[in-house]
Structures are given as C-alpha cells and as structure tokens.
Protein backbone atom coordinates (compact mmCIF):
# COMPACT_ATOMS: atom_id res chain seq x y z
CA MET A 1 -18.09 -35.04 -8.15
CA PHE A 2 -16.00 -32.11 -7.22
CA ARG A 3 -14.46 -29.43 -9.37
CA ASN A 4 -11.51 -27.56 -8.01
CA ILE A 5 -11.27 -24.10 -9.60
CA LEU A 6 -8.08 -22.12 -9.67
CA GLU A 7 -8.65 -18.57 -8.54
CA LYS A 8 -5.35 -16.71 -8.09
CA GLY A 9 -4.45 -14.28 -10.84
CA ARG A 10 -7.76 -14.80 -12.59
CA ARG A 11 -10.36 -12.10 -13.13
CA LEU A 12 -13.99 -13.09 -13.20
CA ALA A 13 -15.48 -12.60 -16.63
CA GLY A 14 -18.43 -10.24 -16.63
CA LEU A 15 -20.54 -9.01 -13.77
CA GLY A 16 -23.92 -10.18 -12.58
CA SER A 17 -26.92 -7.94 -12.95
CA LEU A 18 -26.70 -6.88 -9.32
CA VAL A 19 -22.99 -6.04 -9.31
CA ALA A 20 -23.26 -4.19 -12.61
CA ALA A 21 -25.16 -1.46 -10.79
CA LEU A 22 -21.84 -0.34 -9.35
CA THR A 23 -20.45 0.60 -12.74
CA VAL A 24 -23.29 2.82 -13.89
CA ALA A 25 -25.05 5.83 -12.50
CA ALA A 26 -27.63 4.78 -9.95
CA PRO A 27 -31.16 5.21 -11.33
CA ALA A 28 -33.67 7.22 -9.36
CA MET A 29 -36.29 5.21 -7.54
CA ALA A 30 -39.77 5.67 -8.90
CA GLN A 31 -41.96 7.47 -6.41
CA ASP A 32 -45.01 5.37 -7.28
CA LYS A 33 -43.37 1.96 -6.90
CA GLU A 34 -44.20 -0.01 -3.78
CA PRO A 35 -41.35 -0.75 -1.40
CA ILE A 36 -39.95 -4.27 -1.30
CA VAL A 37 -39.58 -5.46 2.27
CA PHE A 38 -36.75 -7.57 3.69
CA GLY A 39 -37.96 -9.00 7.01
CA GLY A 40 -35.92 -10.51 9.81
CA SER A 41 -35.97 -12.34 13.12
CA ILE A 42 -32.66 -11.04 14.44
CA PRO A 43 -30.96 -12.07 17.73
CA LEU A 44 -29.71 -8.70 18.95
CA SER A 45 -29.83 -10.06 22.51
CA GLY A 46 -29.42 -13.51 24.02
CA VAL A 47 -26.77 -16.16 23.52
CA PHE A 48 -26.31 -15.52 19.78
CA ALA A 49 -26.14 -11.72 20.06
CA PHE A 50 -22.37 -11.79 19.41
CA ALA A 51 -23.26 -12.75 15.82
CA GLY A 52 -26.70 -11.15 15.63
CA ILE A 53 -25.44 -7.60 15.92
CA HIS A 54 -23.14 -8.15 12.95
CA LEU A 55 -25.77 -9.96 10.89
CA HIS A 56 -28.06 -6.99 11.53
CA ALA A 57 -25.35 -4.53 10.51
CA GLY A 58 -24.73 -6.41 7.27
CA LEU A 59 -28.43 -6.44 6.40
CA THR A 60 -28.81 -2.77 7.32
CA ASP A 61 -25.78 -1.64 5.35
CA TYR A 62 -26.77 -3.67 2.31
CA THR A 63 -30.25 -2.12 2.37
CA ASP A 64 -28.72 1.35 2.48
CA TRP A 65 -26.36 0.45 -0.33
CA ILE A 66 -28.97 -1.04 -2.67
CA ASN A 67 -31.22 1.98 -2.14
CA SER A 68 -28.30 4.23 -3.07
CA GLN A 69 -28.17 2.27 -6.34
CA GLY A 70 -31.86 2.91 -7.09
CA GLY A 71 -33.37 0.00 -5.21
CA ILE A 72 -34.51 -3.12 -7.05
CA ASN A 73 -35.85 -2.23 -10.49
CA GLY A 74 -36.76 1.15 -9.07
CA HIS A 75 -38.49 -0.24 -5.98
CA PRO A 76 -37.12 1.12 -2.69
CA VAL A 77 -36.13 -1.54 -0.17
CA GLU A 78 -37.20 -1.52 3.48
CA TYR A 79 -35.61 -3.72 6.13
CA VAL A 80 -38.03 -4.55 8.96
CA MET A 81 -36.82 -6.65 11.90
CA GLU A 82 -37.55 -7.66 15.48
CA ASP A 83 -35.11 -8.72 18.20
CA THR A 84 -35.73 -12.36 19.11
CA ALA A 85 -33.07 -13.06 21.76
CA TYR A 86 -32.46 -16.27 19.78
CA GLU A 87 -35.68 -17.80 21.11
CA VAL A 88 -37.87 -19.80 18.74
CA ASP A 89 -41.17 -18.57 20.19
CA ARG A 90 -40.10 -14.94 19.85
CA SER A 91 -38.84 -15.57 16.33
CA VAL A 92 -42.18 -17.07 15.33
CA ALA A 93 -44.02 -14.12 16.90
CA ALA A 94 -41.76 -11.69 15.03
CA PHE A 95 -42.47 -13.44 11.74
CA LYS A 96 -46.21 -13.30 12.30
CA LYS A 97 -46.05 -9.62 13.23
CA ILE A 98 -43.87 -8.58 10.31
CA SER A 99 -45.79 -10.75 7.83
CA GLY A 100 -49.06 -9.25 9.00
CA SER A 101 -47.92 -5.63 8.80
CA SER A 102 -45.29 -5.47 6.07
CA SER A 103 -45.72 -8.42 3.65
CA PRO A 104 -41.99 -9.20 3.31
CA ALA A 105 -40.80 -10.70 0.04
CA THR A 106 -37.83 -12.26 1.84
CA TYR A 107 -37.06 -13.04 5.46
CA TYR A 108 -33.98 -13.73 7.62
CA GLY A 109 -34.37 -16.56 10.13
CA ASP A 110 -32.15 -16.57 13.20
CA SER A 111 -31.90 -20.32 13.81
CA THR A 112 -32.52 -23.81 12.48
CA GLY A 113 -35.17 -24.30 15.17
CA PHE A 114 -37.15 -21.28 14.00
CA MET A 115 -36.83 -22.12 10.32
CA LYS A 116 -38.13 -25.63 10.95
CA ALA A 117 -40.92 -24.38 13.20
CA ILE A 118 -42.16 -21.78 10.74
CA ALA A 119 -41.97 -23.98 7.63
CA SER A 120 -45.62 -25.05 7.60
CA GLU A 121 -46.88 -21.47 7.88
CA LEU A 122 -44.32 -20.23 5.36
CA ASN A 123 -45.41 -22.91 2.90
CA SER A 124 -49.10 -22.14 3.43
CA GLN A 125 -48.67 -18.41 2.91
CA GLY A 126 -46.61 -18.81 -0.27
CA ASN A 127 -45.51 -15.18 -0.23
CA THR A 128 -41.99 -15.18 1.22
CA LEU A 129 -38.60 -16.70 0.48
CA MET A 130 -36.50 -17.35 3.59
CA SER A 131 -32.83 -17.82 4.41
CA GLY A 132 -30.82 -16.90 7.47
CA ALA A 133 -28.14 -17.84 9.96
CA SER A 134 -28.55 -21.59 9.57
CA PHE A 135 -26.54 -23.82 7.27
CA ALA A 136 -28.44 -26.93 8.43
CA THR A 137 -28.47 -29.78 5.94
CA VAL A 138 -32.14 -30.53 6.60
CA LEU A 139 -33.17 -27.12 5.23
CA THR A 140 -32.02 -28.14 1.75
CA ASP A 141 -34.80 -30.77 1.62
CA ASN A 142 -36.85 -29.09 -1.06
CA GLU A 143 -39.91 -31.24 -0.41
CA THR A 144 -40.27 -30.06 3.18
CA TYR A 145 -38.68 -26.61 2.87
CA PRO A 146 -39.45 -25.43 -0.70
CA TYR A 147 -39.22 -21.73 0.22
CA GLN A 148 -35.99 -21.80 2.21
CA PHE A 149 -32.36 -21.79 1.09
CA ILE A 150 -28.85 -21.81 2.53
CA PRO A 151 -26.60 -18.75 1.85
CA GLY A 152 -23.55 -20.93 1.26
CA PRO A 153 -22.81 -24.65 1.63
CA ASN A 154 -24.85 -26.62 4.15
CA TYR A 155 -22.96 -28.28 6.99
CA SER A 156 -22.63 -31.59 5.13
CA GLN A 157 -21.26 -29.73 2.13
CA MET A 158 -18.79 -27.90 4.39
CA PHE A 159 -17.52 -31.31 5.53
CA GLY A 160 -17.30 -32.33 1.88
CA ILE A 161 -15.13 -29.30 1.10
CA ILE A 162 -12.92 -29.95 4.13
CA LEU A 163 -12.50 -33.62 3.22
CA GLU A 164 -11.73 -32.73 -0.40
CA TYR A 165 -8.93 -30.51 0.92
CA ILE A 166 -7.62 -33.22 3.27
CA ALA A 167 -7.60 -35.74 0.41
CA SER A 168 -5.55 -33.31 -1.67
CA GLN A 169 -2.85 -33.31 1.03
CA GLY A 170 -2.03 -36.99 0.64
CA GLU A 171 1.41 -37.76 -0.72
CA GLY A 172 2.50 -40.81 -2.67
CA GLY A 173 -0.81 -42.57 -2.19
CA ASP A 174 -0.62 -42.15 1.59
CA MET A 175 -3.99 -40.67 2.51
CA PRO A 176 -4.24 -38.63 5.75
CA ASN A 177 -6.66 -39.80 8.42
CA VAL A 178 -9.13 -37.74 10.41
CA ALA A 179 -11.06 -37.56 13.68
CA PHE A 180 -14.44 -35.83 14.04
CA VAL A 181 -15.11 -33.88 17.25
CA TYR A 182 -18.61 -32.48 17.60
CA SER A 183 -21.13 -31.26 20.15
CA ASP A 184 -23.98 -33.40 21.43
CA THR A 185 -26.56 -31.15 19.76
CA GLU A 186 -28.61 -31.20 16.57
CA PHE A 187 -26.16 -28.61 15.24
CA GLY A 188 -23.15 -30.75 16.10
CA LYS A 189 -24.52 -34.04 14.75
CA ASP A 190 -25.80 -32.55 11.48
CA PRO A 191 -22.97 -33.42 9.04
CA ILE A 192 -21.41 -36.44 10.76
CA GLU A 193 -23.06 -39.35 8.93
CA ASN A 194 -22.67 -37.65 5.56
CA GLY A 195 -19.11 -36.76 6.51
CA LYS A 196 -18.26 -40.39 7.30
CA ALA A 197 -19.77 -41.53 4.01
CA ARG A 198 -17.83 -38.93 2.03
CA ALA A 199 -14.59 -39.78 3.86
CA ALA A 200 -15.06 -43.44 2.89
CA GLU A 201 -15.58 -42.44 -0.76
CA LEU A 202 -12.33 -40.48 -0.70
CA GLY A 203 -10.39 -43.24 1.08
CA ILE A 204 -9.93 -41.19 4.26
CA GLU A 205 -10.08 -43.23 7.46
CA VAL A 206 -12.10 -41.73 10.32
CA VAL A 207 -10.01 -42.98 13.23
CA GLU A 208 -12.07 -41.50 16.08
CA GLU A 209 -15.35 -39.74 16.86
CA ILE A 210 -15.58 -37.59 19.98
CA VAL A 211 -18.87 -36.15 21.21
CA THR A 212 -18.86 -33.45 23.91
CA LYS A 213 -21.24 -31.05 25.55
CA PRO A 214 -21.19 -27.63 23.87
CA GLY A 215 -19.16 -24.88 25.48
CA SER A 216 -16.28 -24.94 27.92
CA VAL A 217 -15.90 -28.45 29.33
CA ASP A 218 -13.13 -30.70 30.65
CA VAL A 219 -11.84 -32.59 27.61
CA SER A 220 -8.76 -34.25 29.14
CA ALA A 221 -10.23 -37.78 28.76
CA GLU A 222 -11.16 -37.09 25.14
CA VAL A 223 -7.70 -35.73 24.42
CA LEU A 224 -6.19 -39.00 25.66
CA LYS A 225 -8.38 -40.91 23.20
CA LEU A 226 -7.07 -38.73 20.40
CA ARG A 227 -3.49 -39.16 21.54
CA ARG A 228 -3.88 -42.94 21.17
CA VAL A 229 -4.98 -42.69 17.52
CA ARG A 230 -2.83 -39.67 16.59
CA PRO A 231 -5.05 -38.27 13.82
CA ASP A 232 -3.53 -36.24 11.03
CA TYR A 233 -6.54 -33.91 11.14
CA VAL A 234 -9.27 -33.13 13.67
CA VAL A 235 -12.43 -31.56 12.27
CA PHE A 236 -14.57 -29.69 14.81
CA HIS A 237 -18.25 -28.96 14.37
CA GLY A 238 -21.07 -27.68 16.55
CA TYR A 239 -19.04 -25.11 18.45
CA VAL A 240 -18.20 -21.41 18.26
CA LEU A 241 -15.01 -21.51 20.37
CA SER A 242 -14.82 -23.79 23.39
CA PRO A 243 -13.79 -26.57 23.64
CA ILE A 244 -11.83 -26.20 20.39
CA ASN A 245 -9.20 -24.16 22.20
CA GLU A 246 -8.84 -26.74 24.97
CA PHE A 247 -8.34 -29.58 22.47
CA MET A 248 -5.76 -27.66 20.47
CA VAL A 249 -3.66 -26.54 23.43
CA GLN A 250 -3.67 -29.90 25.21
CA MET A 251 -2.90 -31.95 22.09
CA ARG A 252 -0.01 -29.68 21.18
CA GLN A 253 1.32 -29.92 24.71
CA MET A 254 1.41 -33.69 24.18
CA GLY A 255 3.57 -33.23 21.11
CA LEU A 256 0.95 -34.20 18.53
CA ASP A 257 1.35 -32.61 15.11
CA THR A 258 -2.36 -32.90 14.32
CA GLN A 259 -3.88 -30.16 12.18
CA PHE A 260 -7.18 -28.63 13.33
CA MET A 261 -10.11 -27.56 11.17
CA GLY A 262 -13.62 -26.20 11.67
CA THR A 263 -16.77 -25.00 9.93
CA PHE A 264 -18.32 -21.56 9.42
CA TRP A 265 -19.37 -20.49 12.91
CA SER A 266 -16.00 -21.49 14.43
CA SER A 267 -13.86 -19.84 11.74
CA ASP A 268 -13.91 -16.15 12.56
CA LYS A 269 -11.56 -13.80 14.40
CA LEU A 270 -12.95 -14.86 17.82
CA ILE A 271 -10.63 -17.85 17.91
CA ILE A 272 -7.64 -15.60 17.19
CA ASP A 273 -8.73 -13.00 19.74
CA LYS A 274 -9.19 -15.61 22.48
CA MET A 275 -6.26 -17.92 21.73
CA GLY A 276 -3.62 -15.54 20.42
CA ALA A 277 -0.51 -17.37 19.24
CA ASP A 278 -2.10 -20.74 20.09
CA ALA A 279 -4.58 -20.23 17.23
CA ASP A 280 -1.78 -20.32 14.66
CA GLY A 281 -2.38 -22.96 11.98
CA TYR A 282 -6.07 -23.50 12.74
CA MET A 283 -8.02 -23.88 9.49
CA GLY A 284 -11.63 -23.23 8.59
CA VAL A 285 -13.89 -23.57 5.58
CA MET A 286 -15.41 -20.25 4.51
CA PRO A 287 -17.77 -19.60 1.59
CA TYR A 288 -16.92 -15.88 1.47
CA ASN A 289 -13.79 -13.79 1.33
CA TYR A 290 -12.86 -12.37 4.72
CA TYR A 291 -13.30 -8.64 5.23
CA ASP A 292 -9.56 -8.13 5.74
CA SER A 293 -8.40 -10.51 3.01
CA GLU A 294 -6.30 -9.33 0.10
CA GLU A 295 -9.09 -10.26 -2.29
CA SER A 296 -11.14 -7.62 -4.09
CA GLY A 297 -14.01 -7.18 -6.53
CA PRO A 298 -16.68 -4.56 -7.16
CA MET A 299 -19.19 -5.89 -4.65
CA LEU A 300 -16.60 -6.73 -1.99
CA ASP A 301 -15.18 -3.23 -2.43
CA ALA A 302 -18.70 -1.77 -2.15
CA LEU A 303 -19.28 -3.77 1.04
CA ARG A 304 -16.10 -2.41 2.59
CA ALA A 305 -16.92 1.16 1.52
CA GLN A 306 -20.46 0.93 2.92
CA ALA A 307 -19.20 -0.57 6.17
CA GLU A 308 -16.69 2.26 6.56
CA LYS A 309 -19.37 4.83 5.73
CA SER A 310 -21.88 3.47 8.25
CA ASP A 311 -19.41 3.09 11.13
CA PRO A 312 -15.88 4.44 10.51
CA GLU A 313 -14.73 3.35 13.98
CA ALA A 314 -15.77 -0.32 13.70
CA GLY A 315 -12.76 -1.59 11.76
CA TYR A 316 -12.85 -5.31 10.88
CA ARG A 317 -16.29 -6.76 10.12
CA PRO A 318 -16.80 -10.37 11.20
CA THR A 319 -18.04 -13.12 8.92
CA GLY A 320 -21.58 -12.65 10.28
CA TYR A 321 -21.62 -9.20 8.68
CA ILE A 322 -20.64 -10.61 5.30
CA GLN A 323 -23.17 -13.44 5.70
CA GLY A 324 -25.94 -10.91 6.34
CA TRP A 325 -24.88 -8.85 3.31
CA PHE A 326 -24.73 -11.96 1.11
CA ASN A 327 -28.21 -13.10 2.16
CA ALA A 328 -29.59 -9.74 1.04
CA MET A 329 -27.56 -9.90 -2.19
CA VAL A 330 -29.17 -13.22 -3.06
CA TRP A 331 -32.63 -11.86 -2.21
CA THR A 332 -32.02 -8.93 -4.54
CA GLU A 333 -30.84 -11.15 -7.38
CA VAL A 334 -33.84 -13.45 -6.96
CA ILE A 335 -36.34 -10.57 -6.79
CA LYS A 336 -34.77 -8.89 -9.82
CA ARG A 337 -34.91 -12.08 -11.89
CA THR A 338 -38.55 -12.58 -10.92
CA LEU A 339 -39.53 -9.02 -11.81
CA ASP A 340 -37.50 -9.08 -15.04
CA ALA A 341 -39.42 -12.20 -16.07
CA GLY A 342 -42.68 -10.30 -15.56
CA LYS A 343 -43.79 -12.70 -12.83
CA GLU A 344 -45.63 -12.10 -9.59
CA LEU A 345 -43.36 -11.73 -6.57
CA ASN A 346 -44.42 -14.85 -4.69
CA ALA A 347 -42.56 -17.73 -3.10
CA ASP A 348 -42.97 -20.16 -6.01
CA ASN A 349 -41.61 -17.71 -8.55
CA MET A 350 -38.75 -16.57 -6.31
CA ALA A 351 -37.77 -20.19 -5.57
CA GLU A 352 -37.75 -20.83 -9.32
CA ALA A 353 -35.56 -17.76 -9.83
CA LEU A 354 -33.19 -18.96 -7.11
CA ALA A 355 -32.86 -22.37 -8.76
CA SER A 356 -31.96 -20.66 -12.04
CA ILE A 357 -28.79 -19.10 -10.62
CA GLU A 358 -25.84 -20.53 -12.52
CA ASP A 359 -22.26 -19.25 -12.75
CA TRP A 360 -23.31 -16.11 -10.90
CA ASP A 361 -20.58 -13.54 -10.37
CA THR A 362 -20.88 -12.17 -6.82
CA GLY A 363 -18.36 -9.39 -7.40
CA GLY A 364 -15.71 -10.78 -5.07
CA ILE A 365 -17.83 -11.84 -2.11
CA ILE A 366 -17.15 -15.38 -3.31
CA GLY A 367 -14.04 -15.73 -5.44
CA ILE A 368 -15.52 -17.76 -8.30
CA PRO A 369 -18.86 -17.83 -10.13
CA VAL A 370 -21.39 -19.88 -8.16
CA THR A 371 -24.29 -22.13 -9.05
CA VAL A 372 -27.22 -23.05 -6.82
CA ARG A 373 -27.52 -26.75 -6.05
CA ASP A 374 -30.31 -28.14 -3.85
CA MET A 375 -31.23 -24.70 -2.48
CA SER A 376 -27.65 -23.96 -1.42
CA PHE A 377 -24.40 -22.47 -2.73
CA PRO A 378 -21.99 -25.43 -2.31
CA VAL A 379 -18.72 -23.55 -2.51
CA GLY A 380 -15.94 -22.74 -0.08
CA ARG A 381 -12.25 -22.28 0.47
CA ILE A 382 -9.88 -23.43 3.21
CA TRP A 383 -8.27 -20.60 5.18
CA ARG A 384 -5.57 -20.88 7.85
CA VAL A 385 -4.83 -18.62 10.79
CA ASN A 386 -1.63 -16.60 10.62
CA ALA A 387 -1.43 -15.58 14.27
CA ASP A 388 1.40 -13.11 13.69
CA GLU A 389 -0.77 -11.22 11.19
CA GLY A 390 -3.94 -11.76 13.21
CA ARG A 391 -5.98 -13.01 10.27
CA TYR A 392 -6.93 -15.95 8.06
CA GLU A 393 -5.08 -16.58 4.81
CA PRO A 394 -6.16 -18.90 1.96
CA VAL A 395 -4.41 -22.25 1.66
CA SER A 396 -6.60 -23.80 -1.03
CA ASP A 397 -8.26 -22.84 -4.25
CA TRP A 398 -12.03 -22.38 -4.27
CA ILE A 399 -13.80 -25.72 -4.19
CA HIS A 400 -17.25 -25.92 -5.78
CA LEU A 401 -19.16 -29.16 -5.21
CA ASP A 402 -20.99 -30.51 -8.26
C-alpha cells in the first residue's frame, strides 16, 4: 500500500513542463492573449493572518515569477484577492465578487469551512478549480467536491505517512505504540478514525486518545493519563502551537522518553521560535522541502531567488509561503495541460488534467516525482527539529502513499 522511495544522492530524471521553463529563454507574452486569473480568499487579518500573509506572499511571488517566464502558454497571469479575516461569510463574498468581475480559472480558499460552503456554487458555475489552505480529508470526496483538490496529502494521509514512519522504527518485531492528542474541533477530529484504522493495519497499538480545547489550556490531567500508558510516540493534530509545547515540556519533566510528532500546520519554525531548546527532537510530516533545507532543484532554487528578489530583508520563508507557491504551480500545470490538449478552460477539463498528473517532477519543491490520487498529492517526509541549528532536518526518505 505504501512505497518508500529513496531520495538522497538521487537526481530526478527530467523536468516537468512547468519547471523546464527555467532552462530556456522566457518567451514573450502575446499582447492579444487574455490574462488568466488566479483568485483568492486570503486571510491577511484575523486569527489566521500569521499564515495568510505568507500564503499571499507565495502566491504573489509565484505570479511574478511565472510572468517573467512568459506566463502560461503566452497568457499573462493576474492574481486577484480579497482579505477575508478568516471569516466564512467574507470569504464567500470575496469569491462572488472576484468571480463576477474577473472570471478566475483557479481560486485559493482560506479554510475548510469556506471550501465546503462554496462547493454548491462552485459546482454550479463549472468555471473554476479550487484549492487552498485546507488539507481536510472531506475535500477529497470527488462526488461532493469535484472541482477542489488538496495541495499535498490530506490529514488522514498525513497520519498514514506518520504511522508508516513509526512502523519503520520497530526493532526485532517489537512495534512502537502511539497516543493521539487532538483538538475538539472538526480540524482536530478529521484524521483520527482513519488513523486508528491504519494503525491497526500496521500492528501499532493506540494506547491513549486525548481530546483538548484548542489553544493554550491546562493539560496537567491529560499529561498524567499519558504518563500512565507511557507511549513511545504522541501524534498531535488540530493545533498550531499550544498545547503541544505544554505536553512536551511536562512529559519530559516527568522523565518520559516519548517522541512527539505533528502535522503540517504545527510543523513550522513557530514551534522552534517559541520553545527554543525544548523543541529539540519534535518531528513533523511535511510534503515540501523547507525553505532553509539543504535540498535543491530548479524550481526550489527559483522560489528562493524570487523570494529574495521580492523582499531581500525577509530571510526565512515559512511553510505557508511554499504552500502558496505550490498551489499556484499546480494551477499552472493543470491550465497548461488543458490548453495544450486544445480544450476549453473550464472546471471539468481542469479537473481531468489534474487527475492526469503522474510522476510529476516539481523541481525540488517535493523531493520525488508525485502522482495525484483522489484529488490530493499523498506524499510527505518526516523532519525533526535540530534546536541548535534552529531548523528541521529530514529523518526519513520520502513516503508516497499508493
């Protein structure tokens, strides 16, 4: 069910049509070709602004970069967005406004709530392909959400990658056990049932489930429950930072040698910045190479060069930046395939083009060729915090779910 692909020391064979643009002179954009519009409901304010500003920067920089390469088949690209403050009603209003004025081919959604709320209208219009900040498992239901996709693994697939890694750490037939700690939210509960089922398939015992409120809360009672079962691994989901830090510090103070892991939105530099040395050893699943990793490739190098060009003082770019860039990369690949096939740029044809992506070389954004499965890219790698270096370092090969 899984295929583990060795990555170190291996060069990807060939470059995808999008990345190949880096190696040739950029063609001039035809003056008479209509612009292709990327739309977006972007949370530049509100509770998700810490990520929204970087998502926006990634989308903006990618648009500038692709236009410097001649656009998409000679069509210039325009990025049109509205600030939503991470509110569903405002996101819906932004979509209606941008759809009415700009006819976007693709659209960035800021939340699972918005992407679920807009699905009926998106399906009725049939003009736009949507992805965004969400990795929600439900959005890969192609019957209900035929024009939406996930720019990486969905949350259940992230748990699958994590559990595949944990299973690989067993020695002499002694399989590690695990506890799941998640927030009492739709976000937090998303992968838990699928995670328990996959753990059972792998022979990993789930020794405890802890549900908490999101954010900074008193977890002393929950820590005592974990001390009683002494899990080899704790997997967190449904948080950005707190209470992950509280669990880690208190359990280590009790002398537990548990290892701690998390999913995409809790696996960026924030945990290092806030916890310092206490973050050492924390592991996360990440579908992309980190900005400051030692990995390279033509598109990853282009991303870094464009980021430096747009804001030389910014330094490190968080994972939200790379996620925004990758969304736009996929849109470009899908649009290009649709146009190259001589088809109308509508949602049905773009969804068909998306589903055709197989062994796609992303130029180093992801370290192995990727294939779309169920409207997602089910690939990731386990990275561990090196607190002394202030960054994540890979501790697994790339894992691509079949």
